[in-house]
Protein backbone atom coordinates (compact mmCIF):
# COMPACT_ATOMS: atom_id res chain seq x y z
CA UNK A 1 49.10 126.77 195.41
CA UNK A 2 51.54 123.93 194.92
CA UNK A 3 52.47 122.73 191.45
CA UNK A 4 50.85 119.51 190.24
CA UNK A 5 52.21 117.19 187.53
CA UNK A 6 51.38 118.51 184.06
CA UNK A 7 50.26 121.90 185.35
CA UNK A 8 51.26 125.26 183.90
CA UNK A 9 51.41 128.69 185.54
CA UNK A 10 48.47 130.76 184.30
CA UNK A 11 46.50 133.91 184.86
CA UNK A 12 42.81 133.27 185.57
CA UNK A 13 40.75 136.34 184.75
CA UNK A 14 36.95 136.45 185.12
CA UNK A 15 34.79 139.48 184.24
CA UNK A 16 31.34 138.85 185.74
CA UNK A 17 28.16 140.83 185.01
CA UNK A 18 26.53 141.83 188.30
CA UNK A 19 22.75 141.70 188.53
CA UNK A 20 22.48 139.07 185.78
CA UNK A 21 20.36 136.59 187.74
CA UNK A 22 17.86 139.25 188.82
CA UNK A 23 17.87 140.74 185.33
CA UNK A 24 16.98 137.47 183.62
CA UNK A 25 14.46 136.42 186.27
CA UNK A 26 12.55 139.67 186.42
CA UNK A 27 12.43 140.80 182.79
CA UNK A 28 11.68 139.52 179.31
CA UNK A 29 13.93 136.54 178.68
CA UNK A 30 14.30 137.06 174.91
CA UNK A 31 15.59 140.62 175.03
CA UNK A 32 17.64 140.07 178.18
CA UNK A 33 19.43 137.25 176.38
CA UNK A 34 20.25 139.52 173.43
CA UNK A 35 21.51 142.29 175.72
CA UNK A 36 23.73 139.99 177.78
CA UNK A 37 25.17 138.41 174.64
CA UNK A 38 26.12 141.83 173.23
CA UNK A 39 27.74 142.79 176.54
CA UNK A 40 29.75 139.57 176.68
CA UNK A 41 30.86 140.17 173.08
CA UNK A 42 31.90 143.71 174.05
CA UNK A 43 34.02 142.32 176.91
CA UNK A 44 35.66 139.74 174.65
CA UNK A 45 36.37 142.31 171.93
CA UNK A 46 38.09 144.53 174.53
CA UNK A 47 40.71 141.85 175.24
CA UNK A 48 44.09 143.47 174.57
CA UNK A 49 46.58 141.37 176.58
CA UNK A 50 46.36 138.03 174.79
CA UNK A 51 43.80 136.34 177.00
CA UNK A 52 42.21 133.10 175.80
CA UNK A 53 38.53 132.35 176.27
CA UNK A 54 37.89 129.03 177.99
CA UNK A 55 34.15 129.29 178.57
CA UNK A 56 31.18 131.63 178.52
CA UNK A 57 29.47 130.98 181.84
CA UNK A 58 26.08 132.64 181.46
CA UNK A 59 26.95 136.02 182.92
CA UNK A 60 30.75 135.72 182.90
CA UNK A 61 33.72 135.01 180.65
CA UNK A 62 36.43 132.66 181.87
CA UNK A 63 39.68 134.01 180.44
CA UNK A 64 43.12 132.53 180.97
CA UNK A 65 46.69 133.16 179.83
CA UNK A 66 49.34 130.49 180.17
CA UNK A 67 52.92 131.30 181.08
CA UNK A 68 54.35 134.22 182.97
CA UNK A 69 52.09 136.60 184.82
CA UNK A 70 51.28 139.92 183.11
CA UNK A 71 52.39 142.97 185.05
CA UNK A 72 50.11 145.17 187.12
CA UNK A 73 50.00 147.83 184.38
CA UNK A 74 48.69 145.26 181.88
CA UNK A 75 46.05 143.84 184.19
CA UNK A 76 44.83 147.21 185.43
CA UNK A 77 44.74 148.58 181.90
CA UNK A 78 42.75 145.56 180.75
CA UNK A 79 40.23 145.97 183.56
CA UNK A 80 39.80 149.66 182.83
CA UNK A 81 39.34 149.07 179.09
CA UNK A 82 36.74 146.33 179.54
CA UNK A 83 34.88 148.27 182.21
CA UNK A 84 34.67 151.48 180.20
CA UNK A 85 33.61 149.75 176.97
CA UNK A 86 31.00 147.73 178.87
CA UNK A 87 29.41 150.88 180.28
CA UNK A 88 29.77 152.83 177.04
CA UNK A 89 27.76 150.06 175.36
CA UNK A 90 25.06 150.37 178.03
CA UNK A 91 25.00 154.16 177.63
CA UNK A 92 24.63 153.86 173.88
CA UNK A 93 21.91 151.26 174.30
CA UNK A 94 19.98 153.49 176.71
CA UNK A 95 20.12 156.39 174.25
CA UNK A 96 19.15 154.42 171.14
CA UNK A 97 16.62 151.90 172.41
CA UNK A 98 13.01 152.17 171.29
CA UNK A 99 11.72 149.12 173.13
CA UNK A 100 10.01 149.66 176.49
CA UNK A 101 10.11 146.07 177.73
CA UNK A 102 11.49 145.37 181.19
CA UNK A 103 14.83 144.15 179.85
CA UNK A 104 15.49 147.18 177.67
CA UNK A 105 14.50 149.82 180.24
CA UNK A 106 16.56 148.25 183.06
CA UNK A 107 19.70 147.23 181.13
CA UNK A 108 21.53 150.35 182.35
CA UNK A 109 21.47 148.90 185.87
CA UNK A 110 23.78 146.02 184.98
CA UNK A 111 27.26 146.20 186.51
CA UNK A 112 30.63 144.54 186.13
CA UNK A 113 33.18 143.00 188.49
CA UNK A 114 36.48 141.19 187.94
CA UNK A 115 38.35 138.41 189.69
CA UNK A 116 42.03 137.87 188.87
CA UNK A 117 44.21 135.07 190.24
CA UNK A 118 47.50 133.50 189.22
CA UNK A 119 48.07 129.82 189.80
CA UNK A 120 48.50 126.40 188.26
CA UNK A 121 46.22 124.98 185.57
CA UNK A 122 46.00 121.78 183.59
CA UNK A 123 44.15 121.52 180.30
CA UNK A 124 42.26 118.83 178.47
CA UNK A 125 41.05 118.92 174.86
CA UNK A 126 37.46 117.77 174.32
CA UNK A 127 36.29 117.90 170.67
CA UNK A 128 38.37 120.95 169.93
CA UNK A 129 37.52 122.76 173.17
CA UNK A 130 40.14 123.42 175.85
CA UNK A 131 38.83 122.48 179.29
CA UNK A 132 40.66 123.91 182.30
CA UNK A 133 41.23 122.04 185.54
CA UNK A 134 42.97 122.81 188.82
CA UNK A 135 42.52 123.91 192.40
CA UNK A 136 43.41 127.48 191.48
CA UNK A 137 40.52 127.58 189.00
CA UNK A 138 38.19 126.54 191.83
CA UNK A 139 39.61 129.31 194.02
CA UNK A 140 38.93 131.93 191.33
CA UNK A 141 35.34 130.75 190.90
CA UNK A 142 34.72 130.67 194.64
CA UNK A 143 35.89 134.27 194.90
CA UNK A 144 33.02 135.40 192.69
CA UNK A 145 30.90 134.86 195.81
CA UNK A 146 32.43 136.94 198.57
CA UNK A 147 31.74 139.38 201.39
CA UNK A 148 32.56 142.55 199.44
CA UNK A 149 29.70 145.00 199.83
CA UNK A 150 30.08 146.44 196.31
CA UNK A 151 28.63 145.53 192.93
CA UNK A 152 31.59 146.72 190.85
CA UNK A 153 35.19 146.02 191.80
CA UNK A 154 38.45 144.39 190.79
CA UNK A 155 39.45 141.55 193.13
CA UNK A 156 43.01 140.20 193.05
CA UNK A 157 44.19 137.43 195.28
CA UNK A 158 46.89 138.72 197.60
CA UNK A 159 49.29 136.01 196.46
CA UNK A 160 48.87 137.26 192.90
CA UNK A 161 49.30 140.93 193.81
CA UNK A 162 52.39 140.11 195.88
CA UNK A 163 53.94 138.36 192.89
CA UNK A 164 53.59 141.43 190.66
CA UNK A 165 56.91 143.27 190.67
CA UNK A 166 55.23 146.57 189.75
CA UNK A 167 52.12 146.31 191.95
CA UNK A 168 53.30 148.83 194.55
CA UNK A 169 54.21 151.27 191.77
CA UNK A 170 50.57 151.35 190.67
CA UNK A 171 48.65 150.67 193.89
CA UNK A 172 49.22 154.19 195.19
CA UNK A 173 47.96 155.84 191.98
CA UNK A 174 44.84 153.77 191.36
CA UNK A 175 41.43 155.37 190.76
CA UNK A 176 40.35 154.30 194.29
CA UNK A 177 41.89 153.09 197.54
CA UNK A 178 42.90 149.46 197.81
CA UNK A 179 40.98 147.47 200.43
CA UNK A 180 41.58 144.01 201.88
CA UNK A 181 39.57 140.94 202.78
CA UNK A 182 39.72 137.22 203.51
CA UNK A 183 37.31 134.46 202.49
CA UNK A 184 37.06 131.17 204.36
CA UNK A 185 36.52 128.20 202.04
CA UNK A 186 36.82 124.45 202.41
CA UNK A 187 40.06 124.80 200.44
CA UNK A 188 41.42 127.11 203.14
CA UNK A 189 41.57 130.85 203.72
CA UNK A 190 42.09 133.10 200.71
CA UNK A 191 43.41 136.61 201.28
CA UNK A 192 42.64 139.19 198.62
CA UNK A 193 42.60 142.89 197.90
CA UNK A 194 40.00 144.79 195.94
CA UNK A 195 39.53 148.14 194.27
CA UNK A 196 36.13 149.78 193.64
CA UNK A 197 35.47 150.49 189.96
CA UNK A 198 32.74 153.12 190.24
CA UNK A 199 35.21 156.06 190.00
CA UNK A 200 35.98 154.92 186.43
CA UNK A 201 32.49 156.07 185.44
CA UNK A 202 33.95 159.57 185.15
CA UNK A 203 36.09 158.37 182.20
CA UNK A 204 33.18 157.10 180.13
CA UNK A 205 32.23 159.60 177.41
CA UNK A 206 28.77 160.22 176.08
CA UNK A 207 28.19 158.06 172.99
CA UNK A 208 28.68 159.71 169.62
CA UNK A 209 25.49 159.02 167.69
CA UNK A 210 25.25 159.46 163.94
CA UNK A 211 22.54 161.67 162.48
CA UNK A 212 20.62 160.43 159.44
CA UNK A 213 18.15 163.26 158.92
CA UNK A 214 16.26 163.44 155.65
CA UNK A 215 17.87 165.45 152.87
CA UNK A 216 15.92 168.70 152.63
CA UNK A 217 16.39 168.71 148.85
CA UNK A 218 15.02 165.21 148.30
CA UNK A 219 12.10 164.59 145.94
CA UNK A 220 9.23 162.20 146.55
CA UNK A 221 9.60 159.39 144.01
CA UNK A 222 6.52 157.32 144.84
CA UNK A 223 4.36 156.19 147.74
CA UNK A 224 2.52 153.03 148.74
CA UNK A 225 -0.56 152.88 150.94
CA UNK A 226 -2.10 149.67 152.24
CA UNK A 227 -4.30 148.38 155.04
CA UNK A 228 -2.90 145.37 156.87
CA UNK A 229 -5.13 143.09 158.91
CA UNK A 230 -3.16 143.09 162.14
CA UNK A 231 -2.68 145.32 165.21
CA UNK A 232 -0.26 148.21 164.82
CA UNK A 233 2.17 146.77 167.39
CA UNK A 234 2.43 143.49 165.46
CA UNK A 235 2.86 145.26 162.13
CA UNK A 236 5.68 147.37 163.56
CA UNK A 237 7.31 144.33 165.12
CA UNK A 238 7.54 142.62 161.73
CA UNK A 239 8.35 145.63 159.52
CA UNK A 240 11.10 146.92 161.80
CA UNK A 241 12.73 143.49 162.08
CA UNK A 242 15.44 144.01 159.47
CA UNK A 243 16.71 140.45 159.80
CA UNK A 244 13.30 139.18 158.69
CA UNK A 245 12.71 141.64 155.86
CA UNK A 246 13.82 139.28 153.09
CA UNK A 247 10.97 136.96 154.08
CA UNK A 248 8.31 139.34 152.77
CA UNK A 249 9.96 142.09 150.71
CA UNK A 250 10.40 141.20 147.04
CA UNK A 251 13.86 141.37 145.51
CA UNK A 252 15.74 140.85 148.79
CA UNK A 253 17.47 137.48 149.08
CA UNK A 254 18.78 137.87 152.61
CA UNK A 255 19.68 140.38 155.32
CA UNK A 256 23.24 140.48 156.65
CA UNK A 257 25.59 142.65 158.75
CA UNK A 258 22.89 143.32 161.33
CA UNK A 259 24.00 145.70 164.07
CA UNK A 260 21.94 143.95 166.73
CA UNK A 261 19.08 141.58 167.35
CA UNK A 262 16.78 144.24 168.86
CA UNK A 263 15.53 147.14 166.74
CA UNK A 264 16.97 150.45 167.93
CA UNK A 265 17.69 153.95 166.71
CA UNK A 266 20.45 153.52 164.13
CA UNK A 267 19.89 149.80 163.46
CA UNK A 268 21.83 148.82 160.34
CA UNK A 269 21.81 145.93 157.90
CA UNK A 270 22.67 145.08 154.33
CA UNK A 271 19.94 143.87 151.97
CA UNK A 272 21.43 141.10 149.83
CA UNK A 273 20.12 141.54 146.28
CA UNK A 274 23.01 140.83 143.93
CA UNK A 275 25.61 139.85 146.51
CA UNK A 276 27.85 142.84 145.77
CA UNK A 277 29.13 145.87 147.67
CA UNK A 278 26.50 147.98 145.92
CA UNK A 279 23.67 146.12 147.67
CA UNK A 280 21.66 148.56 149.82
CA UNK A 281 23.16 149.23 153.25
CA UNK A 282 20.29 150.56 155.31
CA UNK A 283 19.94 152.48 158.54
CA UNK A 284 16.67 152.67 160.51
CA UNK A 285 16.32 155.96 162.36
CA UNK A 286 14.13 158.83 163.59
CA UNK A 287 11.65 156.56 165.32
CA UNK A 288 8.62 158.35 166.75
CA UNK A 289 5.83 156.54 168.54
CA UNK A 290 2.63 157.86 170.07
CA UNK A 291 -0.57 155.99 170.78
CA UNK A 292 -1.98 155.00 167.41
CA UNK A 293 0.83 156.30 165.15
CA UNK A 294 4.42 155.17 164.57
CA UNK A 295 6.87 156.61 162.05
CA UNK A 296 10.48 155.97 161.16
CA UNK A 297 12.88 156.23 158.24
CA UNK A 298 14.88 153.52 156.48
CA UNK A 299 17.79 155.16 154.64
CA UNK A 300 19.79 153.44 151.91
CA UNK A 301 23.04 155.26 152.55
CA UNK A 302 24.74 153.84 149.44
CA UNK A 303 22.11 154.93 146.92
CA UNK A 304 20.87 157.97 148.88
CA UNK A 305 17.25 156.88 149.09
CA UNK A 306 15.08 157.52 152.16
CA UNK A 307 11.94 155.52 152.83
CA UNK A 308 9.58 157.13 155.34
CA UNK A 309 7.22 154.61 156.91
CA UNK A 310 4.11 155.50 158.88
CA UNK A 311 1.82 153.08 160.67
CA UNK A 312 -1.59 154.28 161.78
CA UNK A 313 -4.05 152.31 163.88
CA UNK A 314 -7.48 152.40 162.18
CA UNK A 315 -9.03 149.50 164.15
CA UNK A 316 -7.86 147.12 166.89
CA UNK A 317 -6.74 144.62 164.23
CA UNK A 318 -6.18 146.90 161.26
CA UNK A 319 -3.24 149.16 160.46
CA UNK A 320 -2.81 151.65 157.64
CA UNK A 321 0.71 151.64 156.20
CA UNK A 322 2.11 154.56 154.22
CA UNK A 323 5.55 154.22 152.64
CA UNK A 324 7.08 157.22 150.85
CA UNK A 325 10.35 156.97 148.93
CA UNK A 326 12.52 160.09 148.62
CA UNK A 327 15.69 160.58 146.57
CA UNK A 328 18.05 163.39 145.66
CA UNK A 329 19.63 162.41 142.34
CA UNK A 330 19.72 165.80 140.69
CA UNK A 331 16.85 166.97 138.53
CA UNK A 332 17.77 165.10 135.31
CA UNK A 333 18.30 161.71 136.96
CA UNK A 334 15.26 162.27 139.18
CA UNK A 335 13.08 163.03 136.13
CA UNK A 336 14.06 159.81 134.34
CA UNK A 337 13.90 157.75 137.54
CA UNK A 338 10.33 158.89 138.17
CA UNK A 339 9.44 158.28 134.54
CA UNK A 340 10.92 154.80 134.06
CA UNK A 341 11.87 153.23 137.41
CA UNK A 342 9.54 154.49 140.15
CA UNK A 343 6.50 152.64 138.78
CA UNK A 344 8.39 149.33 138.92
CA UNK A 345 9.47 149.87 142.52
CA UNK A 346 5.99 151.00 143.54
CA UNK A 347 4.50 147.84 142.04
CA UNK A 348 7.10 145.74 143.86
CA UNK A 349 6.25 147.40 147.17
CA UNK A 350 2.54 146.71 146.62
CA UNK A 351 3.30 143.01 146.17
CA UNK A 352 5.62 143.04 149.18
CA UNK A 353 2.92 144.55 151.40
CA UNK A 354 0.46 141.92 150.19
CA UNK A 355 2.99 139.23 151.13
CA UNK A 356 3.48 140.88 154.51
CA UNK A 357 -0.29 140.94 155.07
CA UNK A 358 -0.50 137.19 154.41
CA UNK A 359 2.15 136.54 157.06
CA UNK A 360 0.45 138.87 159.56
CA UNK A 361 -2.95 137.25 159.02
CA UNK A 362 -1.42 133.84 159.78
CA UNK A 363 0.02 135.14 163.05
CA UNK A 364 -3.29 136.72 164.04
CA UNK A 365 -5.30 133.59 163.19
CA UNK A 366 -2.97 131.47 165.36
CA UNK A 367 -2.81 134.03 168.16
CA UNK A 368 0.96 134.24 167.80
CA UNK A 369 3.40 137.14 167.95
CA UNK A 370 6.49 137.87 165.91
CA UNK A 371 9.91 136.89 167.22
CA UNK A 372 11.47 140.33 167.80
CA UNK A 373 8.86 141.36 170.42
CA UNK A 374 9.60 145.09 170.54
CA UNK A 375 7.38 146.84 173.09
CA UNK A 376 6.44 150.27 171.70
CA UNK A 377 4.69 151.82 174.67
CA UNK A 378 5.62 152.08 178.33
CA UNK A 379 2.98 150.55 180.58
């Protein structure tokens, strides 16, 4: 495209999540929003070639880089890195999810495509945000809708590929054959080439998942048993929501460093008690759910304390909660902890469960659910 006054040469680079519209329309909106946000964050974090973010456009990130065009090796490496980290995140999510809602069980079907174009851009600052303008930006956006019969691909405009001095050096060694196409727009014809991305799936490793099994030498310190006046599913939804725990559990001022908005195997968070590095950093793991019974473990990995939690349905709107605290301090420390400290913590848990019951009863009386909305059972 021709230069315009005040314009600057720039790379326009758009990763776009395929299947987003169908995903949001057909499944639970709350969880789909969380999943898409995490995927967009994964894409942004994988930026290694100095791209700037202009906008988040629902299912896509509008990146740009002013100045000279990056070489083919840079662009192809960036595409491969973003693609592989995107799908590694989906693999990890599929292996660690405990929710059976439509969003969580279909997230693995989401796909990723890229459009790259080099042209002229002008910018405008609006309250600290950089807004991009230019015909070439319109071209890049138009190319997101094209005649390519694939869901995952890298599309480069032919003018951009032709300008890359090292394109031919890499085109013959790509993970798939280069193909060509032309789109007819009101701005004129746009020639492009594209490369399927599916072969890159072979490079994506299986996620490495941490194991947090209970210490076989741990000693039971104390246990709490209570009956809560709410359905099991609602009780689980609240108790497993680590970001909400400070609202009902005594001694916790806040919850920070959450690993995600949706409870999953290996969810982590820090319980703010004193505001120091010694505050409990907890991992939720070993979830098991069958009709009528749910168990999991919350492990304080700093203080080496495991809390086993079991929920048992005893009536449609009543749930028995059993919480057992285990520790492995050595026999001397364990003896004194059980003698002088365990009673205090047990009393605190009793008060916390009473506070939790008050919150649950309010939800039940109003016919409301809790915000995290984890679906325990497949329909």
